[in-house]
């Protein structure tokens, strides 16, 4: 056997090895483009026959499992047209395994990520039943009712505060009237004072209930009262029972006793304080 014969045999063996292993060389993309089954699949895809295109490509892969172009085309079909994202991921990953140097390998990786996201959307977060739907709808109804009740509660608190302030003003005006001395003590006949609501603010000026045009606390005070009677003082800003006692020359104890329904440690602007006669 001469050298030329030996070289020819070696070349034939190398070509056979390349054919069996499917390595690039002769089985490049150019040769895959000429595969009649791939051409048929593309024609069917153009005619919107996606099922026929898939069948042709799967037949091509059965004939040559290392046909990278067929996997690429199948991946595109399942991703873009059939919406079978699991199958698309399989064929794109198979393509990258067969041909890591594929000229659109980065695009294939992006398609894989998108397909995984689409698959994740189809996975339920938990059991979805009619009972859960019913409970969810009821929860929305209860939430709406709760919001409505909160609004009504705010309105009731506002109205209660206004009524309470009005009641206190009228009560003090009645006690301060001249005819009050002919009636039994207020503590025996008047109802127990209502407890103000938590959000009640300072009592309005007593002049609002009486309709007077007083310009200050001093103008609201009547002249000296007869023994056993009271006169009224409308609290101004910064005044306390102690300061009123000094002003009228009265012991703090007398003021506290005459105003049992008033918090001696906290007076509100516009509040009416009874000043006993000396």
Protein backbone atom coordinates (compact mmCIF):
# COMPACT_ATOMS: atom_id res chain seq x y z
CA UNK A 1 0.00 0.00 0.00
CA UNK A 2 1.54 3.25 -1.16
CA UNK A 3 1.36 6.65 0.56
CA UNK A 4 -1.48 8.01 -1.63
CA UNK A 5 -3.72 5.06 -0.83
CA UNK A 6 -3.06 5.41 2.87
CA UNK A 7 -3.87 9.14 2.75
CA UNK A 8 -7.14 8.48 0.90
CA UNK A 9 -8.23 5.91 3.50
CA UNK A 10 -7.39 8.25 6.35
CA UNK A 11 -9.47 11.01 4.75
CA UNK A 12 -12.45 8.68 4.33
CA UNK A 13 -12.18 7.58 7.96
CA UNK A 14 -12.11 11.20 9.15
CA UNK A 15 -15.21 12.07 7.08
CA UNK A 16 -17.04 9.06 8.50
CA UNK A 17 -16.13 10.11 12.02
CA UNK A 18 -17.43 13.61 11.41
CA UNK A 19 -20.67 12.24 9.98
CA UNK A 20 -21.24 9.92 12.94
CA UNK A 21 -20.47 12.50 15.63
CA UNK A 22 -22.45 15.27 13.94
CA UNK A 23 -19.61 17.77 14.43
CA UNK A 24 -19.56 20.97 12.49
CA UNK A 25 -17.66 20.76 9.30
CA UNK A 26 -19.92 19.15 6.82
CA UNK A 27 -23.05 19.24 8.95
CA UNK A 28 -23.06 23.02 9.24
CA UNK A 29 -26.10 25.24 9.13
CA UNK A 30 -25.80 25.63 5.38
CA UNK A 31 -26.38 21.95 4.89
CA UNK A 32 -29.22 21.95 7.42
CA UNK A 33 -30.95 24.70 5.45
CA UNK A 34 -31.18 22.27 2.53
CA UNK A 35 -33.04 19.66 4.57
CA UNK A 36 -36.37 19.09 2.76
CA UNK A 37 -38.29 18.53 6.00
CA UNK A 38 -37.13 21.89 7.37
CA UNK A 39 -38.11 23.58 4.12
CA UNK A 40 -41.52 21.87 4.29
CA UNK A 41 -41.99 22.97 7.89
CA UNK A 42 -41.25 26.59 6.99
CA UNK A 43 -43.73 26.46 4.13
CA UNK A 44 -46.42 25.06 6.42
CA UNK A 45 -45.66 27.73 9.02
CA UNK A 46 -46.10 30.46 6.39
CA UNK A 47 -49.50 28.94 5.59
CA UNK A 48 -50.47 29.00 9.32
CA UNK A 49 -50.39 25.20 9.44
CA UNK A 50 -48.50 25.13 12.71
CA UNK A 51 -49.38 21.53 13.56
CA UNK A 52 -48.06 20.36 10.17
CA UNK A 53 -44.88 22.42 10.62
CA UNK A 54 -44.27 20.82 14.03
CA UNK A 55 -44.82 17.36 12.59
CA UNK A 56 -42.28 17.96 9.77
CA UNK A 57 -39.63 19.26 12.17
CA UNK A 58 -40.13 16.38 14.60
CA UNK A 59 -39.73 13.97 11.69
CA UNK A 60 -36.50 15.72 10.73
CA UNK A 61 -35.18 15.34 14.29
CA UNK A 62 -36.11 11.65 14.29
CA UNK A 63 -33.96 11.26 11.22
CA UNK A 64 -31.09 13.25 12.72
CA UNK A 65 -31.34 14.03 16.47
CA UNK A 66 -28.41 16.46 16.15
CA UNK A 67 -30.19 18.68 13.66
CA UNK A 68 -29.73 21.98 15.50
CA UNK A 69 -31.70 24.06 13.00
CA UNK A 70 -34.76 21.84 13.50
CA UNK A 71 -34.59 22.42 17.25
CA UNK A 72 -34.33 26.18 16.63
CA UNK A 73 -37.36 26.18 14.36
CA UNK A 74 -39.34 24.03 16.79
CA UNK A 75 -38.45 26.32 19.67
CA UNK A 76 -39.68 29.34 17.71
CA UNK A 77 -42.90 27.57 16.73
CA UNK A 78 -43.74 26.51 20.26
CA UNK A 79 -42.86 29.95 21.67
CA UNK A 80 -44.41 32.24 19.05
CA UNK A 81 -47.28 30.26 17.56
CA UNK A 82 -48.29 27.25 19.64
CA UNK A 83 -47.67 28.82 23.08
CA UNK A 84 -46.26 25.56 24.42
CA UNK A 85 -43.58 27.20 26.56
CA UNK A 86 -42.30 23.98 28.12
CA UNK A 87 -41.65 22.48 24.67
CA UNK A 88 -40.03 25.74 23.54
CA UNK A 89 -37.63 25.66 26.51
CA UNK A 90 -36.71 22.04 25.72
CA UNK A 91 -35.81 22.72 22.08
CA UNK A 92 -33.93 25.97 22.79
CA UNK A 93 -31.85 24.23 25.48
CA UNK A 94 -31.24 21.29 23.13
CA UNK A 95 -30.05 23.72 20.47
CA UNK A 96 -27.60 25.40 22.86
CA UNK A 97 -26.28 22.02 23.96
CA UNK A 98 -25.70 20.92 20.36
CA UNK A 99 -24.39 24.25 19.11
CA UNK A 100 -23.08 26.53 21.89
CA UNK A 101 -21.64 28.75 19.14
CA UNK A 102 -25.02 29.21 17.44
CA UNK A 103 -25.13 32.67 15.88
CA UNK A 104 -28.38 33.43 17.75
CA UNK A 105 -27.48 31.71 21.01
CA UNK A 106 -28.10 34.87 23.07
CA UNK A 107 -31.56 35.21 21.55
CA UNK A 108 -32.30 31.58 22.41
CA UNK A 109 -31.30 32.22 26.05
CA UNK A 110 -33.61 35.23 26.19
CA UNK A 111 -36.47 33.15 24.79
CA UNK A 112 -35.85 30.55 27.50
CA UNK A 113 -36.15 33.18 30.25
CA UNK A 114 -39.36 34.58 28.75
CA UNK A 115 -40.86 31.10 28.45
CA UNK A 116 -40.05 30.39 32.10
CA UNK A 117 -41.81 33.58 33.16
CA UNK A 118 -44.87 32.64 31.10
CA UNK A 119 -44.93 29.21 32.72
CA UNK A 120 -44.71 30.77 36.18
CA UNK A 121 -47.86 32.78 35.46
CA UNK A 122 -49.83 29.57 34.98
CA UNK A 123 -48.85 28.12 38.36
CA UNK A 124 -51.60 28.81 40.94
CA UNK A 125 -50.43 30.32 44.23
CA UNK A 126 -52.81 28.10 46.17
CA UNK A 127 -56.04 26.13 45.86
CA UNK A 128 -58.62 28.15 43.97
CA UNK A 129 -62.15 27.05 44.72
CA UNK A 130 -65.63 28.49 44.59
CA UNK A 131 -65.65 28.64 48.40
CA UNK A 132 -62.55 30.87 48.39
CA UNK A 133 -64.12 33.13 45.77
CA UNK A 134 -67.23 33.42 47.93
CA UNK A 135 -65.19 34.26 51.04
CA UNK A 136 -63.17 36.84 49.12
CA UNK A 137 -66.33 38.55 47.89
CA UNK A 138 -67.75 38.56 51.42
CA UNK A 139 -64.50 40.07 52.73
CA UNK A 140 -64.83 42.95 50.25
CA UNK A 141 -68.43 43.52 51.35
CA UNK A 142 -67.48 43.59 55.03
CA UNK A 143 -64.63 45.99 54.32
CA UNK A 144 -67.01 48.38 52.57
CA UNK A 145 -69.53 48.13 55.43
CA UNK A 146 -66.77 48.79 57.97
CA UNK A 147 -65.70 51.94 56.13
CA UNK A 148 -69.32 53.13 56.06
CA UNK A 149 -69.75 52.51 59.79
CA UNK A 150 -66.56 54.44 60.53
CA UNK A 151 -67.97 57.44 58.67
CA UNK A 152 -71.23 57.24 60.59
CA UNK A 153 -69.36 57.00 63.90
CA UNK A 154 -67.45 60.19 63.14
CA UNK A 155 -70.71 61.99 62.39
CA UNK A 156 -72.30 60.72 65.62
CA UNK A 157 -69.30 61.89 67.65
CA UNK A 158 -69.47 65.34 66.09
CA UNK A 159 -73.21 65.66 66.74
CA UNK A 160 -72.82 64.41 70.32
CA UNK A 161 -70.09 66.96 71.04
CA UNK A 162 -72.24 69.79 69.75
CA UNK A 163 -75.28 68.67 71.78
CA UNK A 164 -73.18 68.25 74.91
CA UNK A 165 -71.70 71.74 74.62
CA UNK A 166 -75.12 73.24 74.00
CA UNK A 167 -76.54 71.43 77.03
CA UNK A 168 -73.76 72.69 79.30
CA UNK A 169 -74.25 76.27 78.13
CA UNK A 170 -78.01 76.16 78.78
CA UNK A 171 -77.46 74.53 82.15
CA UNK A 172 -75.11 77.28 83.29
CA UNK A 173 -77.40 79.99 81.99
CA UNK A 174 -80.31 78.52 83.96
CA UNK A 175 -78.23 78.34 87.14
CA UNK A 176 -77.07 81.93 86.70
CA UNK A 177 -80.60 83.31 86.17
CA UNK A 178 -82.16 85.36 89.05
CA UNK A 179 -84.97 82.85 89.52
CA UNK A 180 -82.51 80.07 90.28
CA UNK A 181 -82.47 80.99 94.00
CA UNK A 182 -86.18 80.19 94.37
CA UNK A 183 -85.67 76.62 93.15
CA UNK A 184 -84.01 73.71 94.96
CA UNK A 185 -80.25 73.39 94.46
CA UNK A 186 -79.22 72.37 90.97
CA UNK A 187 -77.61 69.21 92.30
CA UNK A 188 -81.03 68.00 93.50
CA UNK A 189 -83.08 68.77 90.41
CA UNK A 190 -80.75 68.90 87.45
CA UNK A 191 -79.86 65.66 85.72
CA UNK A 192 -76.33 64.36 86.13
CA UNK A 193 -74.02 66.01 83.61
CA UNK A 194 -73.18 63.97 80.56
CA UNK A 195 -69.62 62.79 80.13
CA UNK A 196 -68.03 64.58 77.20
CA UNK A 197 -66.87 62.40 74.30
CA UNK A 198 -63.19 61.63 73.92
CA UNK A 199 -62.84 63.98 70.98
CA UNK A 200 -64.84 66.83 72.40
CA UNK A 201 -62.97 70.12 72.06
CA UNK A 202 -63.27 73.26 74.20
CA UNK A 203 -66.80 74.38 74.93
CA UNK A 204 -67.98 77.26 72.75
CA UNK A 205 -68.45 80.72 74.25
CA UNK A 206 -71.62 80.88 76.34
CA UNK A 207 -72.57 84.06 74.48
CA UNK A 208 -73.46 81.91 71.44
CA UNK A 209 -76.37 80.35 73.33
CA UNK A 210 -77.57 83.58 74.94
CA UNK A 211 -77.30 85.67 71.79
CA UNK A 212 -75.48 88.45 73.67
CA UNK A 213 -72.83 90.73 72.21
CA UNK A 214 -70.30 90.54 75.06
CA UNK A 215 -66.77 91.56 74.13
CA UNK A 216 -64.90 89.73 76.92
CA UNK A 217 -65.13 87.66 80.05
CA UNK A 218 -65.51 90.68 82.31
CA UNK A 219 -68.53 91.94 80.39
CA UNK A 220 -70.26 88.58 80.91
CA UNK A 221 -70.16 88.96 84.66
CA UNK A 222 -73.29 90.35 86.37
CA UNK A 223 -73.06 92.64 89.34
CA UNK A 224 -72.38 91.40 92.87
CA UNK A 225 -74.66 88.58 93.86
CA UNK A 226 -76.69 88.43 97.03
CA UNK A 227 -75.54 86.01 99.76
CA UNK A 228 -76.33 82.41 98.80
CA UNK A 229 -76.42 83.25 95.12
CA UNK A 230 -73.87 82.91 92.38
CA UNK A 231 -72.68 84.99 89.54
CA UNK A 232 -71.14 83.58 86.38
CA UNK A 233 -67.68 84.04 84.93
CA UNK A 234 -66.79 83.01 81.36
CA UNK A 235 -63.29 81.53 81.34
CA UNK A 236 -60.72 83.36 79.21
CA UNK A 237 -57.44 81.97 77.94
CA UNK A 238 -54.91 81.19 80.69
CA UNK A 239 -57.39 81.42 83.59
CA UNK A 240 -57.57 78.77 86.32
CA UNK A 241 -59.69 78.31 89.43
CA UNK A 242 -56.75 79.52 91.50
CA UNK A 243 -56.43 82.74 89.47
CA UNK A 244 -60.19 83.29 89.68
CA UNK A 245 -60.03 82.82 93.44
CA UNK A 246 -57.39 85.53 93.68
CA UNK A 247 -59.39 87.79 91.39
CA UNK A 248 -62.61 87.52 93.38
CA UNK A 249 -60.99 87.17 96.77
CA UNK A 250 -62.32 83.67 97.36
CA UNK A 251 -60.63 80.56 98.71
CA UNK A 252 -60.01 77.90 96.10
CA UNK A 253 -62.06 75.49 98.21
CA UNK A 254 -65.19 77.64 97.82
CA UNK A 255 -64.81 77.71 94.04
CA UNK A 256 -64.31 73.95 93.86
CA UNK A 257 -67.40 73.33 96.03
CA UNK A 258 -69.50 75.70 93.90
CA UNK A 259 -68.41 73.99 90.68
CA UNK A 260 -68.56 70.30 91.53
CA UNK A 261 -69.13 69.36 87.88
CA UNK A 262 -65.99 71.14 86.67
CA UNK A 263 -62.50 69.66 86.57
CA UNK A 264 -60.63 72.05 88.93
CA UNK A 265 -57.34 71.27 87.21
CA UNK A 266 -58.45 72.00 83.66
CA UNK A 267 -60.67 74.85 82.48
CA UNK A 268 -61.67 75.41 78.85
CA UNK A 269 -61.95 78.76 77.13
CA UNK A 270 -65.63 79.78 77.09
CA UNK A 271 -66.52 77.55 80.04
CA UNK A 272 -68.82 79.11 82.62
CA UNK A 273 -67.66 79.10 86.27
CA UNK A 274 -70.02 79.87 89.16
CA UNK A 275 -68.64 82.53 91.53
CA UNK A 276 -70.29 82.28 94.96
CA UNK A 277 -71.21 85.46 96.78
CA UNK A 278 -68.89 86.42 99.63
